[in-house]
Amino acid sequence: ATPQQLEAHAAASRRGALEGTAASGLAALAGSYYLHHRSPTYRQMPISLKALGVVLVVAPCLAIQAERRGLEYDRSQWEGDSIKVLDEKHQQEEKHWQSLSSRDRVADWAARHQYSIIIGGWATSMAIAGAIISRNRYQSTAQKIVQARMWAQGLTIGLLIGAGALTHTNRDSPKHDHSWRDLLDQQERDRQEALKHSQRAYAA
């Protein structure tokens, strides 16, 4: 990659990060504003906890959108045999996905999105636990927050164990990168196709 391409890739990633931050930030702030006016329990929470909620929404969206824009730029730079190989790989992956059973699809999806599941599970469990514990009239707001966090941490540990099991399962069937071999095979197919066209033209 040339310095210009590296800079263009970085610029695309920065643009994606700004897009993700703006969209998720507006959604998180709108949700916080709504809860502040609708939920007395939310109004009593410390500002640091509210800020954490915003960060939990913004941070994943920022990273995901930045990566998406970077991959889009990479795709725009593909040409020749490389793009043929990558398109063929995509078709093979799609066929493999269609051949999987429902159970295997769930396992495959979970293995590829384990970090999103962990973060989402933590945030969801925090919200559910908070909603349940907030009904207890005999605890202070600080006690309720601590208890909700303990419940969320317990579920997160369970999610981490599950993610570890999925990772271990994937390691049992190692995947090797044969991109160089695929590229050589594609070049050989192109050479054979060009040879056939030449022979037909000569025969004509």
Protein backbone atom coordinates (compact mmCIF):
# COMPACT_ATOMS: atom_id res chain seq x y z
CA ALA A 1 0.00 0.00 0.00
CA THR A 2 1.24 3.49 -0.83
CA PRO A 3 1.36 6.28 1.79
CA GLN A 4 -1.54 7.92 -0.02
CA GLN A 5 -3.65 4.77 0.26
CA LEU A 6 -2.82 4.40 3.95
CA GLU A 7 -3.82 8.00 4.58
CA ALA A 8 -7.04 7.54 2.59
CA HIS A 9 -7.85 4.41 4.61
CA ALA A 10 -7.24 6.30 7.87
CA ALA A 11 -9.42 9.17 6.66
CA ALA A 12 -12.25 6.74 5.79
CA SER A 13 -11.97 5.15 9.25
CA ARG A 14 -12.04 8.58 10.93
CA ARG A 15 -15.12 9.52 8.93
CA GLY A 16 -16.82 6.31 10.03
CA ALA A 17 -15.87 6.98 13.65
CA LEU A 18 -17.42 10.44 13.47
CA GLU A 19 -20.57 9.03 11.87
CA GLY A 20 -20.90 6.33 14.51
CA THR A 21 -20.27 8.79 17.33
CA ALA A 22 -22.79 11.32 16.02
CA ALA A 23 -25.61 8.82 15.38
CA SER A 24 -25.20 6.77 18.55
CA GLY A 25 -24.50 9.88 20.65
CA LEU A 26 -27.76 11.50 19.57
CA ALA A 27 -29.67 8.26 20.27
CA ALA A 28 -28.04 7.81 23.69
CA LEU A 29 -28.59 11.42 24.74
CA ALA A 30 -32.21 11.31 23.54
CA GLY A 31 -32.78 8.14 25.55
CA SER A 32 -31.13 9.66 28.61
CA TYR A 33 -33.27 12.81 28.29
CA TYR A 34 -36.43 10.71 28.00
CA LEU A 35 -35.57 8.59 31.04
CA HIS A 36 -34.63 11.68 33.04
CA HIS A 37 -38.13 13.08 32.59
CA ARG A 38 -39.97 9.77 32.88
CA SER A 39 -38.13 7.77 35.55
CA PRO A 40 -37.58 9.08 39.10
CA THR A 41 -35.08 6.28 39.67
CA TYR A 42 -33.01 7.38 36.69
CA ARG A 43 -33.04 10.99 37.90
CA GLN A 44 -31.52 9.88 41.20
CA MET A 45 -28.62 8.08 39.56
CA PRO A 46 -25.21 9.78 39.73
CA ILE A 47 -24.04 11.59 36.62
CA SER A 48 -21.09 9.19 36.29
CA LEU A 49 -23.43 6.22 35.87
CA LYS A 50 -25.50 8.09 33.29
CA ALA A 51 -22.32 8.95 31.41
CA LEU A 52 -21.32 5.28 31.51
CA GLY A 53 -24.62 4.38 29.86
CA VAL A 54 -23.90 6.82 27.03
CA VAL A 55 -20.38 5.43 26.60
CA LEU A 56 -21.71 1.85 26.43
CA VAL A 57 -23.87 2.90 23.48
CA VAL A 58 -21.37 5.15 21.69
CA ALA A 59 -18.16 3.11 21.97
CA PRO A 60 -19.32 -0.03 20.06
CA CYS A 61 -21.08 2.03 17.37
CA LEU A 62 -17.97 4.19 16.92
CA ALA A 63 -15.70 1.17 16.44
CA ILE A 64 -18.12 -0.73 14.18
CA GLN A 65 -18.79 2.20 11.83
CA ALA A 66 -15.07 3.08 11.65
CA GLU A 67 -14.28 -0.50 10.67
CA ARG A 68 -17.10 -0.56 8.11
CA ARG A 69 -15.80 2.57 6.36
CA GLY A 70 -12.26 1.18 6.38
CA LEU A 71 -13.44 -2.08 4.81
CA GLU A 72 -15.45 -0.15 2.21
CA TYR A 73 -12.30 1.72 1.21
CA ASP A 74 -10.35 -1.55 1.02
CA ARG A 75 -13.03 -2.99 -1.23
CA SER A 76 -12.81 0.01 -3.55
CA GLN A 77 -9.08 -0.67 -4.05
CA TRP A 78 -9.44 -4.32 -5.05
CA GLU A 79 -8.78 -5.07 -8.69
CA GLY A 80 -7.80 -7.87 -11.06
CA ASP A 81 -7.39 -11.38 -9.71
CA SER A 82 -7.70 -10.28 -6.09
CA ILE A 83 -11.31 -9.16 -6.45
CA LYS A 84 -12.19 -12.37 -8.32
CA VAL A 85 -10.73 -14.48 -5.50
CA LEU A 86 -12.52 -12.49 -2.81
CA ASP A 87 -15.83 -12.65 -4.66
CA GLU A 88 -15.42 -16.41 -5.01
CA LYS A 89 -14.64 -16.69 -1.28
CA HIS A 90 -17.78 -14.72 -0.48
CA GLN A 91 -19.88 -17.07 -2.62
CA GLN A 92 -18.33 -20.10 -0.92
CA GLU A 93 -19.05 -18.66 2.52
CA GLU A 94 -22.64 -17.96 1.49
CA LYS A 95 -23.09 -21.56 0.28
CA HIS A 96 -21.55 -22.87 3.49
CA TRP A 97 -23.92 -20.70 5.56
CA GLN A 98 -26.94 -21.98 3.62
CA SER A 99 -25.86 -25.58 4.23
CA LEU A 100 -25.71 -25.17 8.03
CA SER A 101 -28.50 -26.28 10.33
CA SER A 102 -30.27 -23.73 12.52
CA ARG A 103 -28.23 -24.81 15.54
CA ASP A 104 -24.95 -24.51 13.64
CA ARG A 105 -25.95 -21.08 12.33
CA VAL A 106 -26.58 -19.84 15.86
CA ALA A 107 -23.22 -21.22 17.01
CA ASP A 108 -21.40 -19.71 14.04
CA TRP A 109 -23.05 -16.30 14.51
CA ALA A 110 -22.32 -16.32 18.24
CA ALA A 111 -18.66 -17.21 17.62
CA ARG A 112 -18.25 -14.29 15.20
CA HIS A 113 -20.05 -11.78 17.46
CA GLN A 114 -18.99 -12.95 20.90
CA TYR A 115 -17.75 -9.55 22.07
CA SER A 116 -20.95 -7.83 20.98
CA ILE A 117 -22.93 -10.50 22.84
CA ILE A 118 -20.87 -9.96 26.00
CA ILE A 119 -21.25 -6.17 25.94
CA GLY A 120 -24.91 -6.33 25.00
CA GLY A 121 -25.59 -8.99 27.62
CA TRP A 122 -23.91 -6.90 30.29
CA ALA A 123 -25.89 -3.78 29.39
CA THR A 124 -29.17 -5.69 29.13
CA SER A 125 -28.66 -7.51 32.43
CA MET A 126 -27.74 -4.21 34.09
CA ALA A 127 -30.98 -2.64 32.86
CA ILE A 128 -33.17 -5.62 33.84
CA ALA A 129 -31.54 -6.00 37.24
CA GLY A 130 -31.83 -2.28 37.83
CA ALA A 131 -35.53 -2.30 36.95
CA ILE A 132 -36.20 -5.20 39.35
CA ILE A 133 -34.09 -3.90 42.21
CA SER A 134 -35.46 -0.38 41.89
CA ARG A 135 -38.79 -1.66 43.24
CA ASN A 136 -37.21 -2.36 46.62
CA ARG A 137 -38.27 0.51 48.88
CA TYR A 138 -35.93 -0.43 51.71
CA GLN A 139 -32.66 0.21 49.87
CA SER A 140 -30.95 3.47 49.03
CA THR A 141 -30.12 4.39 45.42
CA ALA A 142 -26.42 3.60 45.98
CA GLN A 143 -27.27 0.14 47.37
CA LYS A 144 -29.53 -0.58 44.41
CA ILE A 145 -26.77 0.40 41.95
CA VAL A 146 -24.23 -1.84 43.66
CA GLN A 147 -26.66 -4.77 43.70
CA ALA A 148 -27.58 -4.31 40.03
CA ARG A 149 -23.90 -4.21 39.11
CA MET A 150 -23.26 -7.45 40.99
CA TRP A 151 -26.05 -9.20 39.09
CA ALA A 152 -24.68 -7.85 35.79
CA GLN A 153 -21.16 -9.01 36.63
CA GLY A 154 -22.43 -12.49 37.44
CA LEU A 155 -24.15 -12.79 34.06
CA THR A 156 -21.07 -11.37 32.30
CA ILE A 157 -18.92 -14.10 33.84
CA GLY A 158 -21.36 -16.66 32.46
CA LEU A 159 -21.18 -15.01 29.02
CA LEU A 160 -17.38 -15.03 29.14
CA ILE A 161 -17.38 -18.75 29.94
CA GLY A 162 -19.72 -19.38 27.01
CA ALA A 163 -17.53 -17.27 24.71
CA GLY A 164 -14.47 -19.23 25.85
CA ALA A 165 -16.22 -22.47 25.01
CA LEU A 166 -17.08 -21.20 21.53
CA THR A 167 -13.52 -20.03 20.96
CA HIS A 168 -12.16 -23.40 22.08
CA THR A 169 -14.54 -25.16 19.71
CA ASN A 170 -13.37 -23.03 16.80
CA ARG A 171 -9.74 -23.81 17.63
CA ASP A 172 -10.47 -27.53 17.38
CA SER A 173 -11.04 -27.03 13.65
CA PRO A 174 -8.11 -24.81 12.59
CA LYS A 175 -8.53 -22.49 9.63
CA HIS A 176 -5.54 -21.78 7.41
CA ASP A 177 -5.13 -18.80 5.16
CA HIS A 178 -4.70 -20.04 1.60
CA SER A 179 -5.20 -16.64 -0.05
CA TRP A 180 -1.86 -16.90 -1.90
CA ARG A 181 -2.83 -20.32 -3.29
CA ASP A 182 -6.28 -19.09 -4.30
CA LEU A 183 -4.70 -16.16 -6.12
CA LEU A 184 -2.34 -18.47 -8.02
CA ASP A 185 -5.25 -20.77 -8.93
CA GLN A 186 -7.23 -17.79 -10.21
CA GLN A 187 -4.29 -16.61 -12.29
CA GLU A 188 -3.94 -20.10 -13.78
CA ARG A 189 -7.66 -20.18 -14.63
CA ASP A 190 -7.34 -16.77 -16.31
CA ARG A 191 -4.31 -18.02 -18.28
CA GLN A 192 -6.19 -21.10 -19.47
CA GLU A 193 -9.20 -18.99 -20.45
CA ALA A 194 -6.99 -16.60 -22.39
CA LEU A 195 -5.31 -19.56 -24.13
CA LYS A 196 -8.70 -20.96 -25.18
CA HIS A 197 -9.73 -17.59 -26.62
CA SER A 198 -6.44 -17.41 -28.54
CA GLN A 199 -6.91 -20.91 -29.98
CA ARG A 200 -10.49 -20.10 -31.03
CA ALA A 201 -9.34 -16.88 -32.67
CA TYR A 202 -6.54 -18.75 -34.48
CA ALA A 203 -8.97 -21.45 -35.64
CA ALA A 204 -11.38 -18.82 -36.93
